Amino acid sequence: MGGHRVPARKRVGEVGREVGRGHALRAMGKAKKVKSKAVPGGPSASASAASASAPSPAARVAAVAGPASRSRAKGPKRPVWRRAWVRDAEWTEDEFKELAFWAKQVLALVAGCAVGAAGVVGGLGNVVFLAAVVLGFFVYSASYLGVDPDDVGGVAAIAGEGILPAYAIFLLVWTGFHTARGAGWLS
């Protein structure tokens, strides 16, 4: 062990900073561009010819992803909640089911507030839930959005989409508002 000396190395942070500076300079366009002189028929000539004909990384990703991802890149699509207010918008089955799920959650919240604040008890509250949430969404989607249920999965699929979480929200809010009303907090 005596007398053997390990050569000094740069710390990891120093190497990273040097690379980072060079990358930042290249990104800003301030780095010197060095042209390499290719010898005809040499190894660098074939490498530069291969890199010139190689597709860009974006083109490679699009080729691997397939035509479905290329069709999505045509333009920005509006989020589902924004298109919910647009008459006669085009809907895919998945988008419409997502709209059905979230619209039913909101309708259940509103219906639970109304039924609880009104003091409704018993089975009548459940009937109000079904009328407000399921029928309310069907009327909205058929009359305002102009969507045919058969085009987006059928009546049963749309009616069942998000109904149990919506019912849970309805029951919780209904119970909370009914309890608050009974305690005199909503007088």
N, C-alpha and C. Protein backbone atom coordinates (compact mmCIF):
# COMPACT_ATOMS: atom_id res chain seq x y z
N MET A 1 0.81 -1.18 0.00
CA MET A 1 0.00 0.00 0.00
C MET A 1 0.85 1.25 0.00
N GLY A 2 2.02 1.13 0.50
CA GLY A 2 2.85 2.30 0.56
C GLY A 2 3.41 2.66 -0.81
N GLY A 3 3.39 3.91 -1.14
CA GLY A 3 3.98 4.41 -2.37
C GLY A 3 3.07 4.39 -3.58
N HIS A 4 1.95 3.63 -3.55
CA HIS A 4 1.05 3.60 -4.69
C HIS A 4 0.06 4.75 -4.59
N ARG A 5 -0.01 5.54 -5.60
CA ARG A 5 -0.86 6.72 -5.56
C ARG A 5 -1.95 6.63 -6.62
N VAL A 6 -3.18 6.92 -6.24
CA VAL A 6 -4.32 6.91 -7.16
C VAL A 6 -4.37 8.27 -7.84
N PRO A 7 -4.48 8.29 -9.19
CA PRO A 7 -4.54 9.58 -9.87
C PRO A 7 -5.78 10.38 -9.45
N ALA A 8 -5.65 11.68 -9.45
CA ALA A 8 -6.77 12.55 -9.06
C ALA A 8 -7.86 12.49 -10.13
N ARG A 9 -9.12 12.41 -9.69
CA ARG A 9 -10.25 12.38 -10.61
C ARG A 9 -11.15 13.57 -10.34
N LYS A 10 -11.91 13.92 -11.33
CA LYS A 10 -12.90 14.98 -11.13
C LYS A 10 -14.07 14.42 -10.34
N ARG A 11 -14.61 15.27 -9.53
CA ARG A 11 -15.80 14.86 -8.82
C ARG A 11 -16.97 14.74 -9.78
N VAL A 12 -17.98 13.99 -9.41
CA VAL A 12 -19.13 13.75 -10.29
C VAL A 12 -19.83 15.06 -10.62
N GLY A 13 -19.97 15.93 -9.67
CA GLY A 13 -20.66 17.19 -9.91
C GLY A 13 -19.95 18.06 -10.93
N GLU A 14 -18.61 18.02 -10.92
CA GLU A 14 -17.86 18.83 -11.88
C GLU A 14 -18.08 18.34 -13.29
N VAL A 15 -18.11 17.03 -13.48
CA VAL A 15 -18.33 16.48 -14.81
C VAL A 15 -19.72 16.86 -15.29
N GLY A 16 -20.69 16.72 -14.42
CA GLY A 16 -22.06 17.05 -14.79
C GLY A 16 -22.21 18.52 -15.15
N ARG A 17 -21.53 19.39 -14.41
CA ARG A 17 -21.63 20.82 -14.72
C ARG A 17 -20.99 21.14 -16.06
N GLU A 18 -19.89 20.50 -16.35
CA GLU A 18 -19.24 20.77 -17.64
C GLU A 18 -20.15 20.34 -18.78
N VAL A 19 -20.73 19.17 -18.65
CA VAL A 19 -21.64 18.70 -19.69
C VAL A 19 -22.84 19.62 -19.77
N GLY A 20 -23.35 20.02 -18.61
CA GLY A 20 -24.51 20.91 -18.60
C GLY A 20 -24.22 22.25 -19.25
N ARG A 21 -23.04 22.81 -18.99
CA ARG A 21 -22.69 24.09 -19.61
C ARG A 21 -22.62 23.95 -21.12
N GLY A 22 -21.98 22.89 -21.58
CA GLY A 22 -21.86 22.70 -23.03
C GLY A 22 -23.23 22.52 -23.67
N HIS A 23 -24.10 21.78 -22.98
CA HIS A 23 -25.44 21.58 -23.51
C HIS A 23 -26.22 22.89 -23.53
N ALA A 24 -26.07 23.67 -22.47
CA ALA A 24 -26.77 24.96 -22.42
C ALA A 24 -26.27 25.91 -23.51
N LEU A 25 -24.96 25.91 -23.73
CA LEU A 25 -24.41 26.77 -24.78
C LEU A 25 -24.92 26.34 -26.15
N ARG A 26 -24.96 25.03 -26.39
CA ARG A 26 -25.48 24.55 -27.67
C ARG A 26 -26.94 24.92 -27.83
N ALA A 27 -27.70 24.85 -26.76
CA ALA A 27 -29.12 25.17 -26.84
C ALA A 27 -29.32 26.64 -27.15
N MET A 28 -28.44 27.49 -26.63
CA MET A 28 -28.56 28.92 -26.91
C MET A 28 -27.92 29.30 -28.25
N GLY A 29 -27.21 28.38 -28.84
CA GLY A 29 -26.59 28.66 -30.13
C GLY A 29 -25.26 29.36 -30.02
N LYS A 30 -24.65 29.38 -28.83
CA LYS A 30 -23.41 30.11 -28.64
C LYS A 30 -22.18 29.20 -28.75
N ALA A 31 -22.41 27.91 -28.78
CA ALA A 31 -21.27 27.00 -28.88
C ALA A 31 -20.73 27.01 -30.30
N LYS A 32 -19.46 26.76 -30.39
CA LYS A 32 -18.84 26.72 -31.71
C LYS A 32 -19.23 25.43 -32.40
N LYS A 33 -19.60 25.57 -33.64
CA LYS A 33 -19.94 24.39 -34.40
C LYS A 33 -18.69 23.95 -35.14
N VAL A 34 -18.31 22.72 -34.92
CA VAL A 34 -17.10 22.19 -35.53
C VAL A 34 -17.52 21.24 -36.64
N LYS A 35 -17.04 21.53 -37.82
CA LYS A 35 -17.33 20.65 -38.95
C LYS A 35 -16.21 19.63 -39.05
N SER A 36 -16.60 18.39 -39.13
CA SER A 36 -15.59 17.36 -39.29
C SER A 36 -15.35 17.13 -40.78
N LYS A 37 -14.13 16.93 -41.08
CA LYS A 37 -13.77 16.67 -42.48
C LYS A 37 -13.82 15.17 -42.69
N ALA A 38 -14.72 14.76 -43.52
CA ALA A 38 -14.86 13.35 -43.80
C ALA A 38 -13.97 12.96 -44.96
N VAL A 39 -13.30 11.88 -44.78
CA VAL A 39 -12.46 11.35 -45.84
C VAL A 39 -13.34 10.46 -46.71
N PRO A 40 -13.36 10.66 -48.04
CA PRO A 40 -14.21 9.84 -48.89
C PRO A 40 -13.88 8.36 -48.70
N GLY A 41 -14.91 7.59 -48.44
CA GLY A 41 -14.73 6.16 -48.26
C GLY A 41 -14.29 5.79 -46.87
N GLY A 42 -14.06 6.73 -46.01
CA GLY A 42 -13.61 6.47 -44.65
C GLY A 42 -14.77 6.08 -43.76
N PRO A 43 -14.46 5.73 -42.51
CA PRO A 43 -15.51 5.29 -41.60
C PRO A 43 -16.50 6.40 -41.25
N SER A 44 -16.06 7.65 -41.21
CA SER A 44 -16.99 8.72 -40.86
C SER A 44 -17.94 9.03 -42.00
N ALA A 45 -17.57 8.71 -43.24
CA ALA A 45 -18.45 8.97 -44.38
C ALA A 45 -19.68 8.09 -44.32
N SER A 46 -19.51 6.83 -43.98
CA SER A 46 -20.67 5.94 -43.91
C SER A 46 -21.54 6.29 -42.71
N ALA A 47 -20.93 6.74 -41.62
CA ALA A 47 -21.70 7.13 -40.44
C ALA A 47 -22.52 8.37 -40.71
N SER A 48 -21.93 9.35 -41.41
CA SER A 48 -22.69 10.57 -41.69
C SER A 48 -23.78 10.31 -42.70
N ALA A 49 -23.56 9.39 -43.65
CA ALA A 49 -24.61 9.06 -44.61
C ALA A 49 -25.76 8.35 -43.91
N ALA A 50 -25.44 7.49 -42.95
CA ALA A 50 -26.48 6.79 -42.21
C ALA A 50 -27.28 7.75 -41.34
N SER A 51 -26.59 8.73 -40.72
CA SER A 51 -27.31 9.66 -39.87
C SER A 51 -28.15 10.63 -40.69
N ALA A 52 -27.75 10.92 -41.91
CA ALA A 52 -28.52 11.83 -42.75
C ALA A 52 -29.82 11.17 -43.19
N SER A 53 -29.82 9.85 -43.40
CA SER A 53 -31.03 9.18 -43.85
C SER A 53 -31.85 8.63 -42.69
N ALA A 54 -31.34 8.69 -41.46
CA ALA A 54 -32.06 8.17 -40.31
C ALA A 54 -33.22 9.10 -39.96
N PRO A 55 -34.38 8.53 -39.59
CA PRO A 55 -35.53 9.37 -39.23
C PRO A 55 -35.29 10.08 -37.90
N SER A 56 -35.97 11.16 -37.72
CA SER A 56 -35.86 11.92 -36.48
C SER A 56 -36.49 11.12 -35.34
N PRO A 57 -36.17 11.46 -34.09
CA PRO A 57 -36.77 10.73 -32.97
C PRO A 57 -38.29 10.83 -32.96
N ALA A 58 -38.84 11.98 -33.33
CA ALA A 58 -40.29 12.13 -33.36
C ALA A 58 -40.91 11.22 -34.41
N ALA A 59 -40.24 11.09 -35.55
CA ALA A 59 -40.75 10.21 -36.60
C ALA A 59 -40.69 8.76 -36.16
N ARG A 60 -39.64 8.39 -35.41
CA ARG A 60 -39.54 7.02 -34.91
C ARG A 60 -40.64 6.73 -33.91
N VAL A 61 -40.95 7.67 -33.03
CA VAL A 61 -42.01 7.47 -32.05
C VAL A 61 -43.35 7.33 -32.75
N ALA A 62 -43.61 8.16 -33.76
CA ALA A 62 -44.87 8.08 -34.49
C ALA A 62 -44.98 6.76 -35.23
N ALA A 63 -43.88 6.25 -35.76
CA ALA A 63 -43.91 4.99 -36.49
C ALA A 63 -44.20 3.83 -35.54
N VAL A 64 -43.65 3.88 -34.34
CA VAL A 64 -43.88 2.81 -33.37
C VAL A 64 -45.29 2.91 -32.82
N ALA A 65 -45.76 4.12 -32.55
CA ALA A 65 -47.07 4.31 -31.94
C ALA A 65 -48.21 3.93 -32.86
N GLY A 66 -48.03 4.09 -34.15
CA GLY A 66 -49.06 3.69 -35.09
C GLY A 66 -49.95 4.85 -35.50
N PRO A 67 -50.93 4.57 -36.35
CA PRO A 67 -51.77 5.62 -36.90
C PRO A 67 -52.71 6.26 -35.89
N ALA A 68 -53.06 5.56 -34.82
CA ALA A 68 -54.00 6.14 -33.86
C ALA A 68 -53.41 7.36 -33.17
N SER A 69 -52.12 7.31 -32.84
CA SER A 69 -51.52 8.45 -32.16
C SER A 69 -51.30 9.61 -33.13
N ARG A 70 -51.09 9.30 -34.40
CA ARG A 70 -50.92 10.37 -35.38
C ARG A 70 -52.23 11.12 -35.60
N SER A 71 -53.35 10.40 -35.52
CA SER A 71 -54.63 11.08 -35.73
C SER A 71 -54.96 11.98 -34.55
N ARG A 72 -54.49 11.65 -33.34
CA ARG A 72 -54.74 12.50 -32.18
C ARG A 72 -53.93 13.78 -32.23
N ALA A 73 -52.86 13.79 -32.98
CA ALA A 73 -51.98 14.94 -33.00
C ALA A 73 -52.45 16.03 -33.97
N LYS A 74 -53.62 15.87 -34.58
CA LYS A 74 -54.10 16.85 -35.55
C LYS A 74 -54.37 18.20 -34.91
N GLY A 75 -54.89 18.21 -33.76
CA GLY A 75 -55.17 19.47 -33.09
C GLY A 75 -55.59 19.19 -31.67
N PRO A 76 -55.55 20.20 -30.82
CA PRO A 76 -55.92 19.97 -29.44
C PRO A 76 -57.42 19.73 -29.31
N LYS A 77 -57.76 18.67 -28.59
CA LYS A 77 -59.16 18.37 -28.34
C LYS A 77 -59.56 19.05 -27.05
N ARG A 78 -60.78 19.49 -27.01
CA ARG A 78 -61.29 20.08 -25.79
C ARG A 78 -61.47 19.02 -24.73
N PRO A 79 -61.25 19.36 -23.48
CA PRO A 79 -61.52 18.40 -22.41
C PRO A 79 -63.00 18.03 -22.38
N VAL A 80 -63.30 16.88 -21.80
CA VAL A 80 -64.67 16.38 -21.77
C VAL A 80 -65.60 17.36 -21.07
N TRP A 81 -65.15 17.96 -19.98
CA TRP A 81 -66.03 18.86 -19.24
C TRP A 81 -66.33 20.14 -20.02
N ARG A 82 -65.45 20.53 -20.94
CA ARG A 82 -65.75 21.71 -21.76
C ARG A 82 -66.70 21.37 -22.90
N ARG A 83 -66.53 20.18 -23.47
CA ARG A 83 -67.41 19.78 -24.57
C ARG A 83 -68.80 19.42 -24.06
N ALA A 84 -68.96 19.26 -22.76
CA ALA A 84 -70.27 18.95 -22.20
C ALA A 84 -71.26 20.09 -22.41
N TRP A 85 -70.75 21.29 -22.66
CA TRP A 85 -71.61 22.46 -22.87
C TRP A 85 -71.80 22.80 -24.34
N VAL A 86 -71.21 22.01 -25.23
CA VAL A 86 -71.29 22.28 -26.67
C VAL A 86 -72.36 21.38 -27.28
N ARG A 87 -73.32 21.99 -27.95
CA ARG A 87 -74.37 21.21 -28.60
C ARG A 87 -73.81 20.44 -29.79
N ASP A 88 -74.30 19.24 -29.98
CA ASP A 88 -73.97 18.39 -31.12
C ASP A 88 -72.48 18.16 -31.31
N ALA A 89 -71.73 18.05 -30.23
CA ALA A 89 -70.31 17.73 -30.32
C ALA A 89 -70.16 16.24 -30.63
N GLU A 90 -69.05 15.86 -31.24
CA GLU A 90 -68.80 14.46 -31.54
C GLU A 90 -68.19 13.79 -30.31
N TRP A 91 -68.68 12.59 -30.01
CA TRP A 91 -68.24 11.87 -28.82
C TRP A 91 -67.82 10.46 -29.20
N THR A 92 -66.73 9.98 -28.61
CA THR A 92 -66.40 8.57 -28.70
C THR A 92 -67.11 7.88 -27.53
N GLU A 93 -67.14 6.57 -27.57
CA GLU A 93 -67.82 5.83 -26.51
C GLU A 93 -67.15 6.07 -25.16
N ASP A 94 -65.82 6.04 -25.11
CA ASP A 94 -65.11 6.24 -23.85
C ASP A 94 -65.30 7.65 -23.31
N GLU A 95 -65.25 8.64 -24.18
CA GLU A 95 -65.44 10.03 -23.73
C GLU A 95 -66.85 10.24 -23.18
N PHE A 96 -67.83 9.66 -23.86
CA PHE A 96 -69.20 9.85 -23.40
C PHE A 96 -69.44 9.14 -22.07
N LYS A 97 -68.83 7.97 -21.90
CA LYS A 97 -68.97 7.28 -20.62
C LYS A 97 -68.29 8.06 -19.50
N GLU A 98 -67.18 8.71 -19.80
CA GLU A 98 -66.52 9.56 -18.80
C GLU A 98 -67.41 10.74 -18.44
N LEU A 99 -68.03 11.33 -19.45
CA LEU A 99 -68.97 12.43 -19.19
C LEU A 99 -70.14 11.93 -18.35
N ALA A 100 -70.67 10.76 -18.68
CA ALA A 100 -71.80 10.21 -17.93
C ALA A 100 -71.42 10.00 -16.47
N PHE A 101 -70.24 9.47 -16.25
CA PHE A 101 -69.78 9.22 -14.87
C PHE A 101 -69.74 10.52 -14.08
N TRP A 102 -69.04 11.52 -14.57
CA TRP A 102 -68.86 12.75 -13.80
C TRP A 102 -70.14 13.58 -13.72
N ALA A 103 -70.94 13.57 -14.75
CA ALA A 103 -72.21 14.31 -14.69
C ALA A 103 -73.13 13.70 -13.64
N LYS A 104 -73.13 12.39 -13.55
CA LYS A 104 -73.98 11.73 -12.53
C LYS A 104 -73.49 12.04 -11.12
N GLN A 105 -72.18 12.19 -10.95
CA GLN A 105 -71.67 12.54 -9.62
C GLN A 105 -72.16 13.93 -9.21
N VAL A 106 -72.12 14.86 -10.15
CA VAL A 106 -72.56 16.23 -9.86
C VAL A 106 -74.07 16.25 -9.62
N LEU A 107 -74.83 15.55 -10.46
CA LEU A 107 -76.28 15.50 -10.27
C LEU A 107 -76.64 14.85 -8.94
N ALA A 108 -75.90 13.83 -8.53
CA ALA A 108 -76.17 13.17 -7.25
C ALA A 108 -75.89 14.12 -6.09
N LEU A 109 -74.85 14.92 -6.21
CA LEU A 109 -74.53 15.90 -5.17
C LEU A 109 -75.66 16.93 -5.03
N VAL A 110 -76.12 17.43 -6.15
CA VAL A 110 -77.20 18.42 -6.14
C VAL A 110 -78.50 17.80 -5.62
N ALA A 111 -78.81 16.59 -6.09
CA ALA A 111 -80.04 15.93 -5.64
C ALA A 111 -79.97 15.62 -4.15
N GLY A 112 -78.83 15.20 -3.65
CA GLY A 112 -78.68 14.92 -2.22
C GLY A 112 -78.89 16.17 -1.37
N CYS A 113 -78.36 17.29 -1.84
CA CYS A 113 -78.57 18.57 -1.13
C CYS A 113 -80.05 18.94 -1.09
N ALA A 114 -80.70 18.82 -2.23
CA ALA A 114 -82.11 19.21 -2.33
C ALA A 114 -83.00 18.31 -1.48
N VAL A 115 -82.80 17.01 -1.57
CA VAL A 115 -83.64 16.07 -0.84
C VAL A 115 -83.39 16.18 0.67
N GLY A 116 -82.13 16.33 1.06
CA GLY A 116 -81.82 16.46 2.49
C GLY A 116 -82.34 17.75 3.08
N ALA A 117 -82.17 18.84 2.35
CA ALA A 117 -82.65 20.14 2.86
C ALA A 117 -84.17 20.20 2.90
N ALA A 118 -84.84 19.46 2.01
CA ALA A 118 -86.30 19.45 1.99
C ALA A 118 -86.87 18.55 3.08
N GLY A 119 -86.04 17.69 3.67
CA GLY A 119 -86.51 16.82 4.75
C GLY A 119 -87.20 15.56 4.26
N VAL A 120 -86.94 15.15 3.05
CA VAL A 120 -87.55 13.94 2.51
C VAL A 120 -86.95 12.73 3.21
N VAL A 121 -87.83 11.76 3.56
CA VAL A 121 -87.37 10.52 4.19
C VAL A 121 -87.95 9.34 3.44
N GLY A 122 -87.30 8.20 3.59
CA GLY A 122 -87.84 6.95 3.04
C GLY A 122 -87.53 6.74 1.56
N GLY A 123 -88.36 5.92 0.96
CA GLY A 123 -88.17 5.51 -0.43
C GLY A 123 -88.35 6.63 -1.43
N LEU A 124 -89.05 7.68 -1.05
CA LEU A 124 -89.24 8.80 -1.96
C LEU A 124 -87.91 9.44 -2.34
N GLY A 125 -86.96 9.46 -1.42
CA GLY A 125 -85.63 10.00 -1.72
C GLY A 125 -84.92 9.19 -2.78
N ASN A 126 -85.07 7.87 -2.74
CA ASN A 126 -84.46 7.02 -3.75
C ASN A 126 -85.09 7.23 -5.13
N VAL A 127 -86.39 7.43 -5.14
CA VAL A 127 -87.07 7.70 -6.41
C VAL A 127 -86.59 9.03 -6.99
N VAL A 128 -86.43 10.01 -6.12
CA VAL A 128 -85.92 11.31 -6.56
C VAL A 128 -84.51 11.16 -7.12
N PHE A 129 -83.68 10.34 -6.47
CA PHE A 129 -82.32 10.09 -6.98
C PHE A 129 -82.37 9.51 -8.39
N LEU A 130 -83.15 8.47 -8.58
CA LEU A 130 -83.22 7.84 -9.90
C LEU A 130 -83.74 8.81 -10.96
N ALA A 131 -84.75 9.57 -10.61
CA ALA A 131 -85.31 10.53 -11.56
C ALA A 131 -84.31 11.63 -11.89
N ALA A 132 -83.66 12.15 -10.88
CA ALA A 132 -82.74 13.27 -11.10
C ALA A 132 -81.48 12.83 -11.81
N VAL A 133 -80.89 11.74 -11.38
CA VAL A 133 -79.58 11.35 -11.90
C VAL A 133 -79.69 10.60 -13.22
N VAL A 134 -80.43 9.51 -13.23
CA VAL A 134 -80.47 8.68 -14.44
C VAL A 134 -81.30 9.36 -15.53
N LEU A 135 -82.54 9.70 -15.21
CA LEU A 135 -83.39 10.32 -16.24
C LEU A 135 -82.89 11.72 -16.60
N GLY A 136 -82.39 12.44 -15.61
CA GLY A 136 -81.85 13.77 -15.89
C GLY A 136 -80.70 13.74 -16.87
N PHE A 137 -79.80 12.76 -16.72
CA PHE A 137 -78.69 12.65 -17.65
C PHE A 137 -79.16 12.22 -19.04
N PHE A 138 -80.13 11.31 -19.09
CA PHE A 138 -80.63 10.89 -20.40
C PHE A 138 -81.30 12.04 -21.14
N VAL A 139 -82.09 12.84 -20.44
CA VAL A 139 -82.72 13.99 -21.08
C VAL A 139 -81.67 14.98 -21.56
N TYR A 140 -80.67 15.24 -20.73
CA TYR A 140 -79.59 16.15 -21.11
C TYR A 140 -78.83 15.65 -22.33
N SER A 141 -78.47 14.37 -22.32
CA SER A 141 -77.66 13.85 -23.43
C SER A 141 -78.46 13.73 -24.72
N ALA A 142 -79.73 13.40 -24.63
CA ALA A 142 -80.53 13.25 -25.85
C ALA A 142 -80.98 14.60 -26.41
N SER A 143 -81.43 15.49 -25.53
CA SER A 143 -81.98 16.75 -26.05
C SER A 143 -80.90 17.81 -26.28
N TYR A 144 -79.99 17.98 -25.34
CA TYR A 144 -79.00 19.04 -25.48
C TYR A 144 -77.79 18.61 -26.31
N LEU A 145 -77.23 17.45 -25.97
CA LEU A 145 -76.04 17.00 -26.70
C LEU A 145 -76.39 16.33 -28.02
N GLY A 146 -77.59 15.82 -28.16
CA GLY A 146 -78.01 15.16 -29.40
C GLY A 146 -77.29 13.84 -29.64
N VAL A 147 -77.04 13.08 -28.57
CA VAL A 147 -76.32 11.82 -28.68
C VAL A 147 -77.31 10.67 -28.69
N ASP A 148 -77.16 9.77 -29.67
CA ASP A 148 -77.96 8.56 -29.72
C ASP A 148 -77.34 7.53 -28.79
N PRO A 149 -78.08 7.00 -27.81
CA PRO A 149 -77.48 6.05 -26.86
C PRO A 149 -76.89 4.81 -27.52
N ASP A 150 -77.44 4.38 -28.64
CA ASP A 150 -76.91 3.19 -29.32
C ASP A 150 -75.54 3.45 -29.92
N ASP A 151 -75.21 4.69 -30.21
CA ASP A 151 -73.90 5.02 -30.77
C ASP A 151 -72.80 5.00 -29.72
N VAL A 152 -73.15 5.11 -28.46
CA VAL A 152 -72.14 5.20 -27.40
C VAL A 152 -72.25 4.08 -26.37
N GLY A 153 -72.70 2.91 -26.78
CA GLY A 153 -72.69 1.76 -25.89
C GLY A 153 -74.03 1.22 -25.48
N GLY A 154 -75.10 1.89 -25.76
CA GLY A 154 -76.42 1.41 -25.40
C GLY A 154 -76.96 2.04 -24.13
N VAL A 155 -78.26 1.89 -23.96
CA VAL A 155 -78.95 2.51 -22.84
C VAL A 155 -78.50 1.91 -21.51
N ALA A 156 -78.37 0.59 -21.44
CA ALA A 156 -77.99 -0.06 -20.18
C ALA A 156 -76.57 0.34 -19.75
N ALA A 157 -75.66 0.42 -20.70
CA ALA A 157 -74.28 0.79 -20.36
C ALA A 157 -74.21 2.23 -19.85
N ILE A 158 -74.95 3.12 -20.47
CA ILE A 158 -74.93 4.51 -20.04
C ILE A 158 -75.65 4.68 -18.70
N ALA A 159 -76.74 3.97 -18.51
CA ALA A 159 -77.47 4.07 -17.25
C ALA A 159 -76.63 3.54 -16.09
N GLY A 160 -75.86 2.50 -16.33
CA GLY A 160 -75.06 1.90 -15.27
C GLY A 160 -73.73 2.58 -15.03
N GLU A 161 -73.30 3.43 -15.94
CA GLU A 161 -71.99 4.08 -15.81
C GLU A 161 -71.99 5.07 -14.65
N GLY A 162 -71.25 4.73 -13.60
CA GLY A 162 -71.08 5.63 -12.46
C GLY A 162 -72.26 5.72 -11.53
N ILE A 163 -73.21 4.78 -11.63
CA ILE A 163 -74.43 4.90 -10.83
C ILE A 163 -74.17 4.58 -9.35
N LEU A 164 -73.32 3.60 -9.06
CA LEU A 164 -73.08 3.26 -7.65
C LEU A 164 -72.28 4.33 -6.91
N PRO A 165 -71.21 4.88 -7.48
CA PRO A 165 -70.57 6.00 -6.77
C PRO A 165 -71.50 7.21 -6.63
N ALA A 166 -72.32 7.44 -7.63
CA ALA A 166 -73.26 8.55 -7.54
C ALA A 166 -74.28 8.31 -6.42
N TYR A 167 -74.74 7.06 -6.28
CA TYR A 167 -75.68 6.74 -5.22
C TYR A 167 -75.04 6.91 -3.84
N ALA A 168 -73.77 6.54 -3.74
CA ALA A 168 -73.06 6.73 -2.47
C ALA A 168 -72.95 8.21 -2.11
N ILE A 169 -72.61 9.03 -3.09
CA ILE A 169 -72.54 10.48 -2.86
C ILE A 169 -73.90 11.01 -2.45
N PHE A 170 -74.93 10.58 -3.16
CA PHE A 170 -76.30 11.01 -2.85
C PHE A 170 -76.68 10.66 -1.42
N LEU A 171 -76.41 9.42 -1.01
CA LEU A 171 -76.78 9.00 0.34
C LEU A 171 -76.02 9.79 1.41
N LEU A 172 -74.74 10.00 1.19
CA LEU A 172 -73.95 10.76 2.17
C LEU A 172 -74.43 12.20 2.30
N VAL A 173 -74.67 12.83 1.18
CA VAL A 173 -75.10 14.24 1.22
C VAL A 173 -76.52 14.35 1.75
N TRP A 174 -77.39 13.44 1.34
CA TRP A 174 -78.76 13.43 1.81
C TRP A 174 -78.78 13.27 3.33
N THR A 175 -78.04 12.31 3.85
CA THR A 175 -77.99 12.07 5.29
C THR A 175 -77.41 13.28 6.03
N GLY A 176 -76.35 13.85 5.48
CA GLY A 176 -75.74 15.01 6.11
C GLY A 176 -76.67 16.21 6.16
N PHE A 177 -77.32 16.50 5.06
CA PHE A 177 -78.24 17.65 5.04
C PHE A 177 -79.48 17.38 5.90
N HIS A 178 -79.96 16.14 5.89
CA HIS A 178 -81.13 15.82 6.71
C HIS A 178 -80.79 15.94 8.20
N THR A 179 -79.61 15.50 8.57
CA THR A 179 -79.16 15.62 9.96
C THR A 179 -78.97 17.09 10.35
N ALA A 180 -78.38 17.86 9.46
CA ALA A 180 -78.18 19.29 9.72
C ALA A 180 -79.52 20.02 9.85
N ARG A 181 -80.50 19.62 9.04
CA ARG A 181 -81.81 20.23 9.11
C ARG A 181 -82.49 19.88 10.42
N GLY A 182 -82.36 18.61 10.83
CA GLY A 182 -82.97 18.15 12.10
C GLY A 182 -82.35 18.82 13.31
N ALA A 183 -81.05 19.15 13.22
CA ALA A 183 -80.37 19.79 14.34
C ALA A 183 -80.60 21.31 14.35
N GLY A 184 -81.25 21.81 13.34
CA GLY A 184 -81.56 23.24 13.28
C GLY A 184 -80.47 24.08 12.64
N TRP A 185 -79.51 23.45 11.99
CA TRP A 185 -78.41 24.20 11.38
C TRP A 185 -78.83 24.84 10.05
N LEU A 186 -79.89 24.36 9.44
CA LEU A 186 -80.33 24.88 8.14
C LEU A 186 -81.62 25.70 8.26
N SER A 187 -81.93 26.16 9.44
CA SER A 187 -83.18 26.90 9.63
C SER A 187 -83.16 28.23 8.98
